[in-house]
C-alpha atoms as a PDB file:
ATOM      1  CA  MET A   1      -1.539 -19.501   1.110  1.00  0.00           C
ATOM      2  CA  LYS A   2       1.808 -18.710  -0.437  1.00  0.00           C
ATOM      3  CA  LEU A   3       4.718 -17.378   1.569  1.00  0.00           C
ATOM      4  CA  SER A   4       4.543 -13.954  -0.074  1.00  0.00           C
ATOM      5  CA  GLU A   5       0.816 -13.743   0.732  1.00  0.00           C
ATOM      6  CA  THR A   6       1.505 -14.719   4.333  1.00  0.00           C
ATOM      7  CA  LYS A   7       4.209 -12.080   4.717  1.00  0.00           C
ATOM      8  CA  SER A   8       1.905  -9.473   3.214  1.00  0.00           C
ATOM      9  CA  LEU A   9      -0.904 -10.469   5.589  1.00  0.00           C
ATOM     10  CA  LEU A  10       1.403 -10.260   8.611  1.00  0.00           C
ATOM     11  CA  LYS A  11       2.640  -6.839   7.509  1.00  0.00           C
ATOM     12  CA  ASP A  12      -0.968  -5.653   7.236  1.00  0.00           C
ATOM     13  CA  LEU A  13      -1.894  -7.155  10.618  1.00  0.00           C
ATOM     14  CA  ARG A  14       1.056  -5.523  12.361  1.00  0.00           C
ATOM     15  CA  ALA A  15      -0.118  -2.145  11.051  1.00  0.00           C
ATOM     16  CA  LEU A  16      -3.483  -2.505  12.828  1.00  0.00           C
ATOM     17  CA  SER A  17      -4.307  -1.277  16.319  1.00  0.00           C
ATOM     18  CA  VAL A  18      -5.280  -3.584  19.172  1.00  0.00           C
ATOM     19  CA  GLU A  19      -8.972  -2.750  18.735  1.00  0.00           C
ATOM     20  CA  GLU A  20      -8.826  -3.428  14.996  1.00  0.00           C
ATOM     21  CA  LEU A  21      -7.104  -6.763  15.634  1.00  0.00           C
ATOM     22  CA  THR A  22      -9.819  -7.728  18.108  1.00  0.00           C
ATOM     23  CA  THR A  23     -12.475  -6.835  15.541  1.00  0.00           C
ATOM     24  CA  ARG A  24     -10.652  -8.811  12.842  1.00  0.00           C
ATOM     25  CA  GLU A  25     -10.423 -11.834  15.147  1.00  0.00           C
ATOM     26  CA  ALA A  26     -14.166 -11.683  15.861  1.00  0.00           C
ATOM     27  CA  GLU A  27     -14.928 -11.498  12.129  1.00  0.00           C
ATOM     28  CA  LEU A  28     -12.717 -14.498  11.445  1.00  0.00           C
ATOM     29  CA  LYS A  29     -14.309 -16.516  14.254  1.00  0.00           C
ATOM     30  CA  LYS A  30     -17.761 -15.812  12.794  1.00  0.00           C
ATOM     31  CA  GLU A  31     -16.508 -16.857   9.359  1.00  0.00           C
ATOM     32  CA  LEU A  32     -15.082 -20.063  10.847  1.00  0.00           C
ATOM     33  CA  PHE A  33     -18.417 -20.805  12.521  1.00  0.00           C
ATOM     34  CA  ASP A  34     -20.239 -20.298   9.223  1.00  0.00           C
ATOM     35  CA  LEU A  35     -17.773 -22.537   7.391  1.00  0.00           C
ATOM     36  CA  ARG A  36     -18.146 -25.283  10.001  1.00  0.00           C
ATOM     37  CA  PHE A  37     -21.905 -25.053   9.684  1.00  0.00           C
ATOM     38  CA  GLN A  38     -21.648 -25.360   5.900  1.00  0.00           C
ATOM     39  CA  ALA A  39     -19.314 -28.351   6.247  1.00  0.00           C
ATOM     40  CA  ALA A  40     -21.728 -30.089   8.607  1.00  0.00           C
ATOM     41  CA  ALA A  41     -24.587 -29.464   6.204  1.00  0.00           C
ATOM     42  CA  GLY A  42     -22.519 -30.785   3.301  1.00  0.00           C
ATOM     43  CA  ARG A  43     -22.592 -27.483   1.414  1.00  0.00           C
ATOM     44  CA  LEU A  44     -18.908 -26.518   1.787  1.00  0.00           C
ATOM     45  CA  GLU A  45     -17.079 -26.905  -1.516  1.00  0.00           C
ATOM     46  CA  ASN A  46     -13.643 -25.556  -0.553  1.00  0.00           C
ATOM     47  CA  THR A  47     -12.710 -27.456   2.604  1.00  0.00           C
ATOM     48  CA  ALA A  48      -9.216 -25.931   2.620  1.00  0.00           C
ATOM     49  CA  LYS A  49     -10.837 -22.632   3.569  1.00  0.00           C
ATOM     50  CA  LEU A  50     -11.429 -24.018   7.084  1.00  0.00           C
ATOM     51  CA  ASP A  51      -7.707 -24.513   7.700  1.00  0.00           C
ATOM     52  CA  GLU A  52      -6.869 -21.161   6.131  1.00  0.00           C
ATOM     53  CA  VAL A  53      -9.246 -19.294   8.442  1.00  0.00           C
ATOM     54  CA  LYS A  54      -7.944 -21.175  11.501  1.00  0.00           C
ATOM     55  CA  LYS A  55      -4.366 -20.236  10.618  1.00  0.00           C
ATOM     56  CA  THR A  56      -5.326 -16.615  10.036  1.00  0.00           C
ATOM     57  CA  ILE A  57      -6.945 -16.502  13.481  1.00  0.00           C
ATOM     58  CA  ALA A  58      -3.713 -17.862  14.955  1.00  0.00           C
ATOM     59  CA  ARG A  59      -1.728 -15.195  13.114  1.00  0.00           C
ATOM     60  CA  VAL A  60      -3.989 -12.455  14.492  1.00  0.00           C
ATOM     61  CA  LYS A  61      -3.560 -13.821  18.024  1.00  0.00           C
ATOM     62  CA  THR A  62       0.217 -13.952  17.538  1.00  0.00           C
ATOM     63  CA  VAL A  63       0.313 -10.298  16.511  1.00  0.00           C
ATOM     64  CA  GLN A  64      -1.882  -9.418  19.498  1.00  0.00           C
ATOM     65  CA  ALA A  65       0.564 -11.212  21.793  1.00  0.00           C
ATOM     66  CA  GLU A  66       3.475  -9.316  20.231  1.00  0.00           C
ATOM     67  CA  LEU A  67       1.723  -6.025  20.967  1.00  0.00           C
ATOM     68  CA  ASN A  68       1.025  -7.008  24.576  1.00  0.00           C
ATOM     69  CA  LYS A  69       4.703  -7.592  25.380  1.00  0.00           C
END
């Protein structure tokens, strides 16, 4: 993910409410589970997607922590 894409994503995440962030995190965790399952079955073609989803989850949690301060 390029820097400009990351900044855009963070801007979008900061515009969401706490409930929307929680929903987004749950969606990403389900996607990560599905990707891990595909990787274990040998059907995952883009393995970089795993790391990208993990980092996006971390970004969502960071924004949630900022809102809880």
